[in-house]
Amino acid sequence: MLVINTVNSIEALTGESFTCDYKEDGGFIRFALSSAPGRESSLLLDAMVLGLRSVKERYGNEIKLKE
């Protein structure tokens, strides 16, 4: 949910160009900005990573983060 919210927020609030691929049944999302992130996108992405790390701390075996 954090990742989807971040992608939707970048689309709605920043106007930055990106690609996004996903697998509905596997929980896999690949997101790539077309250029270096602007200030707003960078902040949104940092907030997403912070949230994902918090989830990982609580549910370590249930989530895999690849940075």
C-alpha atoms as a PDB file:
ATOM      1  CA  MET A   1       0.000   0.000   0.000  1.00  0.00           C
ATOM      2  CA  LEU A   2       2.876   2.383   0.781  1.00  0.00           C
ATOM      3  CA  VAL A   3       4.412   1.860  -2.657  1.00  0.00           C
ATOM      4  CA  ILE A   4       1.135   2.282  -4.530  1.00  0.00           C
ATOM      5  CA  ASN A   5       0.364   5.445  -2.555  1.00  0.00           C
ATOM      6  CA  THR A   6       3.802   6.836  -3.367  1.00  0.00           C
ATOM      7  CA  VAL A   7       3.449   6.119  -7.085  1.00  0.00           C
ATOM      8  CA  ASN A   8      -0.019   7.703  -7.111  1.00  0.00           C
ATOM      9  CA  SER A   9       1.257  10.721  -5.169  1.00  0.00           C
ATOM     10  CA  ILE A  10       4.183  11.283  -7.526  1.00  0.00           C
ATOM     11  CA  GLU A  11       1.816  11.099 -10.481  1.00  0.00           C
ATOM     12  CA  ALA A  12      -0.779  13.435  -8.972  1.00  0.00           C
ATOM     13  CA  LEU A  13       1.445  15.933  -7.188  1.00  0.00           C
ATOM     14  CA  THR A  14       4.695  16.253  -9.126  1.00  0.00           C
ATOM     15  CA  GLY A  15       4.006  15.768 -12.822  1.00  0.00           C
ATOM     16  CA  GLU A  16       7.251  13.794 -13.158  1.00  0.00           C
ATOM     17  CA  SER A  17       7.479  11.167 -15.901  1.00  0.00           C
ATOM     18  CA  PHE A  18       7.986   7.532 -14.872  1.00  0.00           C
ATOM     19  CA  THR A  19       7.387   3.903 -15.766  1.00  0.00           C
ATOM     20  CA  CYS A  20       5.723   1.406 -13.476  1.00  0.00           C
ATOM     21  CA  ASP A  21       5.405  -2.369 -13.921  1.00  0.00           C
ATOM     22  CA  TYR A  22       3.699  -4.680 -11.463  1.00  0.00           C
ATOM     23  CA  LYS A  23       2.401  -8.188 -10.900  1.00  0.00           C
ATOM     24  CA  GLU A  24      -0.944  -8.191  -9.150  1.00  0.00           C
ATOM     25  CA  ASP A  25      -0.547 -11.718  -7.815  1.00  0.00           C
ATOM     26  CA  GLY A  26       3.053 -11.439  -6.621  1.00  0.00           C
ATOM     27  CA  GLY A  27       3.326  -8.147  -4.800  1.00  0.00           C
ATOM     28  CA  PHE A  28       6.075  -7.016  -7.191  1.00  0.00           C
ATOM     29  CA  ILE A  29       6.318  -3.394  -8.314  1.00  0.00           C
ATOM     30  CA  ARG A  30       9.097  -1.836 -10.379  1.00  0.00           C
ATOM     31  CA  PHE A  31       9.031   1.954 -10.517  1.00  0.00           C
ATOM     32  CA  ALA A  32      11.524   4.146 -12.384  1.00  0.00           C
ATOM     33  CA  LEU A  33      11.571   7.891 -12.844  1.00  0.00           C
ATOM     34  CA  SER A  34      12.528   9.053 -16.335  1.00  0.00           C
ATOM     35  CA  SER A  35      15.055  11.502 -14.865  1.00  0.00           C
ATOM     36  CA  ALA A  36      16.582  12.389 -11.507  1.00  0.00           C
ATOM     37  CA  PRO A  37      13.866  12.977  -8.916  1.00  0.00           C
ATOM     38  CA  GLY A  38      12.844  16.513  -8.129  1.00  0.00           C
ATOM     39  CA  ARG A  39      12.550  17.750  -4.561  1.00  0.00           C
ATOM     40  CA  GLU A  40       8.935  16.632  -4.107  1.00  0.00           C
ATOM     41  CA  SER A  41       9.466  13.163  -5.593  1.00  0.00           C
ATOM     42  CA  SER A  42      12.615  12.688  -3.552  1.00  0.00           C
ATOM     43  CA  LEU A  43      10.733  13.530  -0.361  1.00  0.00           C
ATOM     44  CA  LEU A  44       7.881  11.171  -1.239  1.00  0.00           C
ATOM     45  CA  LEU A  45      10.317   8.356  -2.042  1.00  0.00           C
ATOM     46  CA  ASP A  46      12.243   8.915   1.204  1.00  0.00           C
ATOM     47  CA  ALA A  47       8.980   8.759   3.159  1.00  0.00           C
ATOM     48  CA  MET A  48       8.062   5.503   1.394  1.00  0.00           C
ATOM     49  CA  VAL A  49      11.428   3.917   2.238  1.00  0.00           C
ATOM     50  CA  LEU A  50      11.080   5.013   5.862  1.00  0.00           C
ATOM     51  CA  GLY A  51       7.654   3.379   6.026  1.00  0.00           C
ATOM     52  CA  LEU A  52       8.847   0.180   4.357  1.00  0.00           C
ATOM     53  CA  ARG A  53      11.791  -0.097   6.742  1.00  0.00           C
ATOM     54  CA  SER A  54       9.404   0.279   9.674  1.00  0.00           C
ATOM     55  CA  VAL A  55       7.208  -2.512   8.311  1.00  0.00           C
ATOM     56  CA  LYS A  56      10.320  -4.669   7.771  1.00  0.00           C
ATOM     57  CA  GLU A  57      11.370  -4.160  11.407  1.00  0.00           C
ATOM     58  CA  ARG A  58       7.997  -5.334  12.644  1.00  0.00           C
ATOM     59  CA  TYR A  59       7.356  -8.123  10.122  1.00  0.00           C
ATOM     60  CA  GLY A  60      10.915  -9.078   9.124  1.00  0.00           C
ATOM     61  CA  ASN A  61      10.126 -12.430   7.504  1.00  0.00           C
ATOM     62  CA  GLU A  62       7.047 -11.171   5.662  1.00  0.00           C
ATOM     63  CA  ILE A  63       8.674  -8.473   3.568  1.00  0.00           C
ATOM     64  CA  LYS A  64      11.792  -8.358   1.410  1.00  0.00           C
ATOM     65  CA  LEU A  65      13.356  -5.024   0.555  1.00  0.00           C
ATOM     66  CA  LYS A  66      15.912  -4.708  -2.202  1.00  0.00           C
ATOM     67  CA  GLU A  67      17.681  -1.356  -2.235  1.00  0.00           C
END
